[in-house]
Amino acid sequence: MFFDDWFGLVRVLIIGVLAYAALILWLRVSGKRTLSKWNAFDFVVTIALGSTLATVILSKDVAFAEGVFALGLLVGLQFVITWLSVRFDWAENLVKAQPTLLFDKGEFLSDAMKRQRVAEGEVRMAIRAEGIAAIEEIEAVVLETDGSFSVIKKSANDSRSALADVS
């Protein structure tokens, strides 16, 4: 079980290098969006790509051409979905969550925080990470679609235009 034969190792080496190169090529062709910060959709696609790559490398039942086609299919579907989501609201709503307001005008929004499973300490940590000591300087804190926090300082003109798409 520790070692079957040299052919298996040589096959993994050759197919691994070729499949990895094919995946890199597919990712370069598909553009920067494929490797952007992850939302749930991007996470699933990335896991599927990794699983497919591992299967192509390790399974003798999957031909190299089939594996490269499968990788291309996943990258192509991700490209189509992101292309649609940039152009159509229904597609964007299908793949991405809306950003959520967690702190607004000096108040923690506990209902929103409970829905998103975020503790007050995490919001305070995000504020500190921005180098801000006084919570009174903050207009809002938003949980973004990729799970990161955006901390918005109060503006001189009281504009909130950056929060237009936040629920």
N, C-alpha and C. Protein backbone atom coordinates (compact mmCIF):
# COMPACT_ATOMS: atom_id res chain seq x y z
N MET A 1 0.82 -1.19 0.00
CA MET A 1 0.00 0.00 0.00
C MET A 1 0.86 1.25 0.00
N PHE A 2 2.06 1.17 0.54
CA PHE A 2 2.95 2.32 0.57
C PHE A 2 3.49 2.66 -0.82
N PHE A 3 3.73 1.63 -1.64
CA PHE A 3 4.28 1.85 -2.98
C PHE A 3 3.81 0.72 -3.89
N ASP A 4 3.15 1.11 -5.00
CA ASP A 4 2.69 0.10 -5.95
C ASP A 4 3.72 -0.13 -7.05
N ASP A 5 3.98 0.93 -7.83
CA ASP A 5 4.97 0.82 -8.89
C ASP A 5 5.41 2.20 -9.35
N TRP A 6 6.48 2.22 -10.12
CA TRP A 6 7.01 3.48 -10.61
C TRP A 6 6.09 4.13 -11.62
N PHE A 7 5.34 3.33 -12.37
CA PHE A 7 4.44 3.89 -13.38
C PHE A 7 3.42 4.84 -12.74
N GLY A 8 2.88 4.47 -11.59
CA GLY A 8 1.92 5.32 -10.91
C GLY A 8 2.51 6.66 -10.52
N LEU A 9 3.73 6.65 -10.01
CA LEU A 9 4.39 7.90 -9.64
C LEU A 9 4.70 8.77 -10.86
N VAL A 10 5.17 8.13 -11.93
CA VAL A 10 5.47 8.87 -13.16
C VAL A 10 4.18 9.46 -13.74
N ARG A 11 3.10 8.68 -13.71
CA ARG A 11 1.81 9.17 -14.20
C ARG A 11 1.35 10.39 -13.40
N VAL A 12 1.43 10.33 -12.07
CA VAL A 12 1.04 11.46 -11.22
C VAL A 12 1.91 12.67 -11.54
N LEU A 13 3.20 12.47 -11.72
CA LEU A 13 4.11 13.57 -12.04
C LEU A 13 3.73 14.23 -13.37
N ILE A 14 3.56 13.44 -14.39
CA ILE A 14 3.26 13.99 -15.73
C ILE A 14 1.87 14.61 -15.78
N ILE A 15 0.87 13.86 -15.36
CA ILE A 15 -0.50 14.37 -15.39
C ILE A 15 -0.65 15.55 -14.43
N GLY A 16 0.01 15.49 -13.28
CA GLY A 16 -0.05 16.60 -12.31
C GLY A 16 0.48 17.89 -12.90
N VAL A 17 1.65 17.81 -13.53
CA VAL A 17 2.25 19.01 -14.12
C VAL A 17 1.38 19.53 -15.26
N LEU A 18 0.90 18.64 -16.12
CA LEU A 18 0.06 19.07 -17.25
C LEU A 18 -1.28 19.63 -16.79
N ALA A 19 -1.92 18.97 -15.83
CA ALA A 19 -3.23 19.44 -15.34
C ALA A 19 -3.07 20.77 -14.61
N TYR A 20 -2.02 20.91 -13.84
CA TYR A 20 -1.76 22.17 -13.14
C TYR A 20 -1.54 23.30 -14.15
N ALA A 21 -0.75 23.03 -15.17
CA ALA A 21 -0.50 24.04 -16.22
C ALA A 21 -1.80 24.39 -16.94
N ALA A 22 -2.64 23.39 -17.18
CA ALA A 22 -3.93 23.65 -17.84
C ALA A 22 -4.83 24.52 -16.96
N LEU A 23 -4.84 24.23 -15.68
CA LEU A 23 -5.65 25.03 -14.75
C LEU A 23 -5.16 26.47 -14.72
N ILE A 24 -3.86 26.67 -14.64
CA ILE A 24 -3.30 28.03 -14.65
C ILE A 24 -3.68 28.74 -15.95
N LEU A 25 -3.60 28.04 -17.06
CA LEU A 25 -3.98 28.63 -18.35
C LEU A 25 -5.45 29.04 -18.34
N TRP A 26 -6.32 28.14 -17.88
CA TRP A 26 -7.76 28.46 -17.80
C TRP A 26 -8.00 29.69 -16.92
N LEU A 27 -7.33 29.74 -15.79
CA LEU A 27 -7.52 30.87 -14.88
C LEU A 27 -7.02 32.17 -15.47
N ARG A 28 -5.92 32.13 -16.19
CA ARG A 28 -5.40 33.34 -16.84
C ARG A 28 -6.34 33.81 -17.94
N VAL A 29 -6.89 32.88 -18.70
CA VAL A 29 -7.82 33.23 -19.79
C VAL A 29 -9.11 33.82 -19.23
N SER A 30 -9.55 33.32 -18.09
CA SER A 30 -10.84 33.77 -17.53
C SER A 30 -10.77 35.14 -16.88
N GLY A 31 -9.60 35.63 -16.54
CA GLY A 31 -9.47 36.98 -16.01
C GLY A 31 -9.33 37.04 -14.50
N LYS A 32 -9.11 38.24 -14.01
CA LYS A 32 -8.83 38.47 -12.59
C LYS A 32 -9.99 38.12 -11.69
N ARG A 33 -11.21 38.26 -12.16
CA ARG A 33 -12.39 38.04 -11.33
C ARG A 33 -12.44 36.63 -10.77
N THR A 34 -11.89 35.67 -11.50
CA THR A 34 -11.92 34.28 -11.06
C THR A 34 -11.17 34.11 -9.74
N LEU A 35 -10.17 34.93 -9.49
CA LEU A 35 -9.35 34.78 -8.29
C LEU A 35 -9.58 35.91 -7.29
N SER A 36 -10.69 36.61 -7.40
CA SER A 36 -10.95 37.73 -6.51
C SER A 36 -11.31 37.25 -5.11
N LYS A 37 -11.52 38.21 -4.21
CA LYS A 37 -11.96 37.84 -2.86
C LYS A 37 -13.20 36.97 -2.95
N TRP A 38 -13.30 36.02 -2.08
CA TRP A 38 -14.34 35.02 -2.17
C TRP A 38 -15.66 35.43 -1.55
N ASN A 39 -16.72 35.17 -2.28
CA ASN A 39 -18.04 35.09 -1.68
C ASN A 39 -18.38 33.60 -1.68
N ALA A 40 -19.56 33.22 -1.28
CA ALA A 40 -19.89 31.79 -1.20
C ALA A 40 -19.77 31.10 -2.55
N PHE A 41 -20.20 31.76 -3.60
CA PHE A 41 -20.13 31.19 -4.95
C PHE A 41 -18.68 30.93 -5.35
N ASP A 42 -17.81 31.92 -5.13
CA ASP A 42 -16.40 31.76 -5.49
C ASP A 42 -15.75 30.63 -4.68
N PHE A 43 -16.13 30.51 -3.42
CA PHE A 43 -15.61 29.45 -2.56
C PHE A 43 -15.96 28.07 -3.15
N VAL A 44 -17.21 27.89 -3.54
CA VAL A 44 -17.66 26.61 -4.10
C VAL A 44 -16.91 26.30 -5.39
N VAL A 45 -16.77 27.29 -6.26
CA VAL A 45 -16.06 27.08 -7.52
C VAL A 45 -14.60 26.70 -7.26
N THR A 46 -13.97 27.39 -6.31
CA THR A 46 -12.57 27.10 -6.01
C THR A 46 -12.39 25.70 -5.44
N ILE A 47 -13.28 25.29 -4.56
CA ILE A 47 -13.22 23.93 -4.02
C ILE A 47 -13.44 22.91 -5.13
N ALA A 48 -14.39 23.19 -6.01
CA ALA A 48 -14.65 22.27 -7.13
C ALA A 48 -13.44 22.17 -8.05
N LEU A 49 -12.77 23.29 -8.28
CA LEU A 49 -11.56 23.26 -9.11
C LEU A 49 -10.47 22.41 -8.45
N GLY A 50 -10.29 22.60 -7.15
CA GLY A 50 -9.28 21.81 -6.43
C GLY A 50 -9.60 20.33 -6.43
N SER A 51 -10.86 20.01 -6.24
CA SER A 51 -11.28 18.62 -6.23
C SER A 51 -11.08 17.99 -7.61
N THR A 52 -11.44 18.74 -8.64
CA THR A 52 -11.28 18.24 -10.01
C THR A 52 -9.80 18.03 -10.33
N LEU A 53 -8.98 19.00 -9.96
CA LEU A 53 -7.54 18.87 -10.20
C LEU A 53 -6.98 17.64 -9.49
N ALA A 54 -7.37 17.43 -8.25
CA ALA A 54 -6.89 16.26 -7.51
C ALA A 54 -7.36 14.96 -8.16
N THR A 55 -8.60 14.94 -8.62
CA THR A 55 -9.12 13.74 -9.28
C THR A 55 -8.37 13.44 -10.57
N VAL A 56 -8.10 14.49 -11.36
CA VAL A 56 -7.36 14.31 -12.61
C VAL A 56 -5.96 13.77 -12.33
N ILE A 57 -5.34 14.29 -11.29
CA ILE A 57 -3.97 13.87 -10.98
C ILE A 57 -3.93 12.44 -10.44
N LEU A 58 -4.86 12.08 -9.56
CA LEU A 58 -4.75 10.82 -8.84
C LEU A 58 -5.58 9.66 -9.40
N SER A 59 -6.63 9.96 -10.14
CA SER A 59 -7.50 8.88 -10.61
C SER A 59 -7.08 8.40 -12.00
N LYS A 60 -6.82 7.13 -12.10
CA LYS A 60 -6.49 6.54 -13.39
C LYS A 60 -7.72 6.40 -14.28
N ASP A 61 -8.91 6.55 -13.67
CA ASP A 61 -10.16 6.41 -14.41
C ASP A 61 -10.54 7.67 -15.19
N VAL A 62 -9.86 8.79 -14.92
CA VAL A 62 -10.18 10.05 -15.59
C VAL A 62 -9.05 10.37 -16.56
N ALA A 63 -9.39 10.45 -17.84
CA ALA A 63 -8.39 10.78 -18.85
C ALA A 63 -7.99 12.25 -18.71
N PHE A 64 -6.76 12.55 -19.08
CA PHE A 64 -6.26 13.92 -18.99
C PHE A 64 -7.16 14.90 -19.73
N ALA A 65 -7.55 14.56 -20.95
CA ALA A 65 -8.40 15.45 -21.75
C ALA A 65 -9.74 15.71 -21.06
N GLU A 66 -10.30 14.67 -20.46
CA GLU A 66 -11.57 14.85 -19.72
C GLU A 66 -11.37 15.79 -18.53
N GLY A 67 -10.26 15.63 -17.83
CA GLY A 67 -9.98 16.49 -16.68
C GLY A 67 -9.78 17.94 -17.07
N VAL A 68 -9.02 18.17 -18.16
CA VAL A 68 -8.81 19.54 -18.64
C VAL A 68 -10.14 20.13 -19.09
N PHE A 69 -10.98 19.32 -19.74
CA PHE A 69 -12.30 19.79 -20.15
C PHE A 69 -13.15 20.15 -18.92
N ALA A 70 -13.08 19.33 -17.89
CA ALA A 70 -13.84 19.59 -16.67
C ALA A 70 -13.37 20.89 -15.99
N LEU A 71 -12.06 21.09 -15.93
CA LEU A 71 -11.53 22.33 -15.37
C LEU A 71 -11.99 23.53 -16.18
N GLY A 72 -11.92 23.41 -17.49
CA GLY A 72 -12.38 24.49 -18.37
C GLY A 72 -13.86 24.76 -18.22
N LEU A 73 -14.64 23.69 -18.04
CA LEU A 73 -16.08 23.85 -17.84
C LEU A 73 -16.37 24.63 -16.57
N LEU A 74 -15.70 24.28 -15.48
CA LEU A 74 -15.90 25.01 -14.21
C LEU A 74 -15.50 26.48 -14.34
N VAL A 75 -14.35 26.73 -14.93
CA VAL A 75 -13.90 28.11 -15.11
C VAL A 75 -14.85 28.86 -16.05
N GLY A 76 -15.29 28.19 -17.10
CA GLY A 76 -16.23 28.81 -18.04
C GLY A 76 -17.57 29.14 -17.39
N LEU A 77 -18.09 28.23 -16.60
CA LEU A 77 -19.35 28.49 -15.89
C LEU A 77 -19.19 29.65 -14.91
N GLN A 78 -18.06 29.70 -14.22
CA GLN A 78 -17.81 30.79 -13.29
C GLN A 78 -17.74 32.11 -14.05
N PHE A 79 -17.11 32.11 -15.21
CA PHE A 79 -17.01 33.31 -16.04
C PHE A 79 -18.41 33.77 -16.49
N VAL A 80 -19.23 32.83 -16.95
CA VAL A 80 -20.58 33.17 -17.41
C VAL A 80 -21.42 33.73 -16.26
N ILE A 81 -21.37 33.08 -15.11
CA ILE A 81 -22.16 33.54 -13.96
C ILE A 81 -21.72 34.94 -13.53
N THR A 82 -20.41 35.18 -13.45
CA THR A 82 -19.95 36.51 -13.04
C THR A 82 -20.26 37.54 -14.11
N TRP A 83 -20.19 37.17 -15.38
CA TRP A 83 -20.55 38.08 -16.47
C TRP A 83 -22.02 38.47 -16.36
N LEU A 84 -22.88 37.47 -16.11
CA LEU A 84 -24.31 37.75 -15.94
C LEU A 84 -24.56 38.60 -14.71
N SER A 85 -23.85 38.32 -13.62
CA SER A 85 -24.11 39.03 -12.37
C SER A 85 -23.73 40.50 -12.45
N VAL A 86 -22.80 40.84 -13.33
CA VAL A 86 -22.42 42.23 -13.51
C VAL A 86 -23.47 42.97 -14.35
N ARG A 87 -24.20 42.24 -15.16
CA ARG A 87 -25.15 42.86 -16.09
C ARG A 87 -26.61 42.78 -15.66
N PHE A 88 -26.94 41.79 -14.82
CA PHE A 88 -28.34 41.58 -14.45
C PHE A 88 -28.47 41.43 -12.94
N ASP A 89 -29.37 42.22 -12.35
CA ASP A 89 -29.57 42.17 -10.90
C ASP A 89 -30.01 40.79 -10.42
N TRP A 90 -30.88 40.11 -11.19
CA TRP A 90 -31.36 38.80 -10.76
C TRP A 90 -30.20 37.81 -10.64
N ALA A 91 -29.22 37.91 -11.54
CA ALA A 91 -28.08 37.00 -11.48
C ALA A 91 -27.18 37.36 -10.30
N GLU A 92 -26.99 38.65 -10.06
CA GLU A 92 -26.17 39.06 -8.92
C GLU A 92 -26.81 38.61 -7.61
N ASN A 93 -28.12 38.76 -7.50
CA ASN A 93 -28.82 38.33 -6.29
C ASN A 93 -28.76 36.82 -6.10
N LEU A 94 -28.68 36.09 -7.21
CA LEU A 94 -28.59 34.63 -7.14
C LEU A 94 -27.25 34.18 -6.56
N VAL A 95 -26.18 34.89 -6.90
CA VAL A 95 -24.85 34.44 -6.51
C VAL A 95 -24.26 35.18 -5.31
N LYS A 96 -24.64 36.40 -5.10
CA LYS A 96 -24.02 37.19 -4.03
C LYS A 96 -25.05 37.62 -3.01
N ALA A 97 -24.61 37.65 -1.77
CA ALA A 97 -25.43 38.20 -0.70
C ALA A 97 -25.30 39.72 -0.73
N GLN A 98 -26.19 40.39 -0.07
CA GLN A 98 -26.11 41.84 0.04
C GLN A 98 -25.23 42.19 1.23
N PRO A 99 -24.50 43.31 1.14
CA PRO A 99 -23.77 43.77 2.32
C PRO A 99 -24.76 44.13 3.42
N THR A 100 -24.34 43.96 4.68
CA THR A 100 -25.24 44.18 5.81
C THR A 100 -24.67 45.23 6.75
N LEU A 101 -25.50 46.20 7.10
CA LEU A 101 -25.13 47.24 8.04
C LEU A 101 -25.19 46.67 9.46
N LEU A 102 -24.07 46.75 10.19
CA LEU A 102 -23.99 46.20 11.55
C LEU A 102 -23.93 47.28 12.62
N PHE A 103 -23.43 48.44 12.24
CA PHE A 103 -23.29 49.56 13.16
C PHE A 103 -23.66 50.80 12.38
N ASP A 104 -24.53 51.63 12.94
CA ASP A 104 -25.00 52.81 12.21
C ASP A 104 -25.23 53.96 13.18
N LYS A 105 -24.59 55.07 12.88
CA LYS A 105 -24.78 56.31 13.64
C LYS A 105 -24.67 56.10 15.15
N GLY A 106 -23.63 55.41 15.57
CA GLY A 106 -23.38 55.25 17.00
C GLY A 106 -24.08 54.09 17.67
N GLU A 107 -24.83 53.29 16.91
CA GLU A 107 -25.56 52.18 17.52
C GLU A 107 -25.24 50.86 16.83
N PHE A 108 -25.04 49.83 17.66
CA PHE A 108 -24.90 48.48 17.12
C PHE A 108 -26.30 48.00 16.73
N LEU A 109 -26.42 47.42 15.56
CA LEU A 109 -27.71 46.91 15.08
C LEU A 109 -27.79 45.42 15.44
N SER A 110 -28.29 45.15 16.64
CA SER A 110 -28.22 43.80 17.20
C SER A 110 -29.00 42.78 16.38
N ASP A 111 -30.14 43.14 15.81
CA ASP A 111 -30.89 42.18 14.99
C ASP A 111 -30.07 41.75 13.77
N ALA A 112 -29.48 42.71 13.09
CA ALA A 112 -28.64 42.41 11.92
C ALA A 112 -27.42 41.60 12.34
N MET A 113 -26.85 41.94 13.48
CA MET A 113 -25.67 41.21 13.96
C MET A 113 -26.03 39.76 14.29
N LYS A 114 -27.19 39.54 14.88
CA LYS A 114 -27.63 38.17 15.19
C LYS A 114 -27.87 37.38 13.91
N ARG A 115 -28.53 38.01 12.93
CA ARG A 115 -28.79 37.33 11.65
C ARG A 115 -27.50 36.91 10.96
N GLN A 116 -26.48 37.76 11.08
CA GLN A 116 -25.20 37.49 10.41
C GLN A 116 -24.21 36.75 11.31
N ARG A 117 -24.62 36.47 12.56
CA ARG A 117 -23.78 35.76 13.52
C ARG A 117 -22.46 36.49 13.78
N VAL A 118 -22.59 37.80 14.06
CA VAL A 118 -21.44 38.64 14.34
C VAL A 118 -21.59 39.20 15.75
N ALA A 119 -20.55 39.09 16.53
CA ALA A 119 -20.55 39.61 17.90
C ALA A 119 -20.10 41.07 17.89
N GLU A 120 -20.54 41.80 18.91
CA GLU A 120 -20.16 43.20 19.05
C GLU A 120 -18.64 43.35 19.09
N GLY A 121 -17.98 42.41 19.74
CA GLY A 121 -16.52 42.45 19.82
C GLY A 121 -15.85 42.38 18.45
N GLU A 122 -16.45 41.66 17.52
CA GLU A 122 -15.88 41.58 16.17
C GLU A 122 -15.99 42.92 15.44
N VAL A 123 -17.09 43.61 15.67
CA VAL A 123 -17.26 44.94 15.06
C VAL A 123 -16.25 45.91 15.66
N ARG A 124 -16.10 45.85 16.98
CA ARG A 124 -15.11 46.72 17.63
C ARG A 124 -13.69 46.39 17.14
N MET A 125 -13.41 45.12 16.94
CA MET A 125 -12.11 44.71 16.43
C MET A 125 -11.86 45.31 15.04
N ALA A 126 -12.89 45.30 14.17
CA ALA A 126 -12.75 45.87 12.84
C ALA A 126 -12.46 47.37 12.92
N ILE A 127 -13.09 48.04 13.87
CA ILE A 127 -12.86 49.47 14.06
C ILE A 127 -11.42 49.70 14.53
N ARG A 128 -10.97 48.91 15.48
CA ARG A 128 -9.59 49.04 15.97
C ARG A 128 -8.59 48.74 14.86
N ALA A 129 -8.91 47.77 14.02
CA ALA A 129 -8.00 47.40 12.93
C ALA A 129 -7.79 48.57 11.96
N GLU A 130 -8.74 49.48 11.93
CA GLU A 130 -8.60 50.68 11.09
C GLU A 130 -7.82 51.78 11.82
N GLY A 131 -7.38 51.49 13.05
CA GLY A 131 -6.61 52.45 13.81
C GLY A 131 -7.46 53.52 14.47
N ILE A 132 -8.70 53.22 14.70
CA ILE A 132 -9.63 54.18 15.28
C ILE A 132 -9.91 53.80 16.72
N ALA A 133 -9.69 54.75 17.62
CA ALA A 133 -9.88 54.49 19.05
C ALA A 133 -11.27 54.90 19.53
N ALA A 134 -11.84 55.91 18.91
CA ALA A 134 -13.13 56.44 19.37
C ALA A 134 -14.25 55.99 18.43
N ILE A 135 -15.16 55.22 19.01
CA ILE A 135 -16.28 54.71 18.23
C ILE A 135 -17.17 55.85 17.72
N GLU A 136 -17.07 56.99 18.37
CA GLU A 136 -17.86 58.16 17.98
C GLU A 136 -17.43 58.71 16.61
N GLU A 137 -16.26 58.33 16.14
CA GLU A 137 -15.76 58.78 14.83
C GLU A 137 -16.36 57.97 13.68
N ILE A 138 -17.10 56.90 14.01
CA ILE A 138 -17.58 55.97 13.01
C ILE A 138 -19.01 56.28 12.60
N GLU A 139 -19.23 56.33 11.31
CA GLU A 139 -20.58 56.49 10.76
C GLU A 139 -21.25 55.13 10.67
N ALA A 140 -20.51 54.14 10.14
CA ALA A 140 -21.12 52.83 9.92
C ALA A 140 -20.05 51.75 9.83
N VAL A 141 -20.47 50.51 10.11
CA VAL A 141 -19.65 49.33 9.85
C VAL A 141 -20.52 48.37 9.06
N VAL A 142 -19.96 47.87 7.96
CA VAL A 142 -20.70 47.01 7.04
C VAL A 142 -20.01 45.65 6.95
N LEU A 143 -20.80 44.59 7.02
CA LEU A 143 -20.30 43.25 6.72
C LEU A 143 -20.47 43.05 5.22
N GLU A 144 -19.36 42.95 4.51
CA GLU A 144 -19.38 42.86 3.05
C GLU A 144 -19.71 41.44 2.59
N THR A 145 -19.98 41.29 1.31
CA THR A 145 -20.40 40.00 0.76
C THR A 145 -19.30 38.94 0.85
N ASP A 146 -18.05 39.36 0.98
CA ASP A 146 -16.95 38.40 1.10
C ASP A 146 -16.59 38.09 2.55
N GLY A 147 -17.37 38.64 3.50
CA GLY A 147 -17.13 38.38 4.91
C GLY A 147 -16.23 39.39 5.59
N SER A 148 -15.69 40.34 4.84
CA SER A 148 -14.84 41.35 5.45
C SER A 148 -15.70 42.50 6.00
N PHE A 149 -15.10 43.30 6.87
CA PHE A 149 -15.79 44.45 7.45
C PHE A 149 -15.29 45.72 6.79
N SER A 150 -16.19 46.63 6.47
CA SER A 150 -15.82 47.97 6.03
C SER A 150 -16.22 48.94 7.12
N VAL A 151 -15.26 49.75 7.53
CA VAL A 151 -15.50 50.75 8.57
C VAL A 151 -15.52 52.11 7.88
N ILE A 152 -16.64 52.81 8.01
CA ILE A 152 -16.81 54.10 7.36
C ILE A 152 -16.79 55.19 8.42
N LYS A 153 -15.83 56.10 8.26
CA LYS A 153 -15.74 57.23 9.19
C LYS A 153 -16.81 58.26 8.85
N LYS A 154 -17.15 59.07 9.83
CA LYS A 154 -18.09 60.16 9.60
C LYS A 154 -17.47 61.12 8.59
N SER A 155 -18.31 61.64 7.68
CA SER A 155 -17.81 62.59 6.69
C SER A 155 -18.24 63.99 7.07
N ALA A 156 -17.50 64.95 6.58
CA ALA A 156 -17.77 66.34 6.91
C ALA A 156 -19.12 66.81 6.36
N ASN A 157 -19.54 66.26 5.24
CA ASN A 157 -20.79 66.71 4.62
C ASN A 157 -21.98 65.79 4.89
N ASP A 158 -21.83 64.83 5.79
CA ASP A 158 -22.89 63.89 6.17
C ASP A 158 -23.40 63.03 5.01
N SER A 159 -22.60 62.87 3.98
CA SER A 159 -23.00 62.03 2.85
C SER A 159 -22.90 60.55 3.22
N ARG A 160 -23.85 59.77 2.74
CA ARG A 160 -23.87 58.32 2.98
C ARG A 160 -23.97 57.57 1.66
N SER A 161 -23.47 58.14 0.60
CA SER A 161 -23.65 57.56 -0.74
C SER A 161 -22.99 56.19 -0.89
N ALA A 162 -21.94 55.92 -0.14
CA ALA A 162 -21.27 54.61 -0.21
C ALA A 162 -22.14 53.51 0.37
N LEU A 163 -23.17 53.87 1.11
CA LEU A 163 -24.03 52.88 1.77
C LEU A 163 -25.31 52.61 0.97
N ALA A 164 -25.37 53.07 -0.26
CA ALA A 164 -26.59 52.97 -1.05
C ALA A 164 -27.08 51.54 -1.25
N ASP A 165 -26.18 50.58 -1.40
CA ASP A 165 -26.59 49.20 -1.68
C ASP A 165 -26.56 48.29 -0.44
N VAL A 166 -26.45 48.89 0.73
CA VAL A 166 -26.33 48.12 1.97
C VAL A 166 -27.71 47.96 2.60
N SER A 167 -28.01 46.72 3.02
CA SER A 167 -29.31 46.50 3.65
C SER A 167 -29.17 46.37 5.15
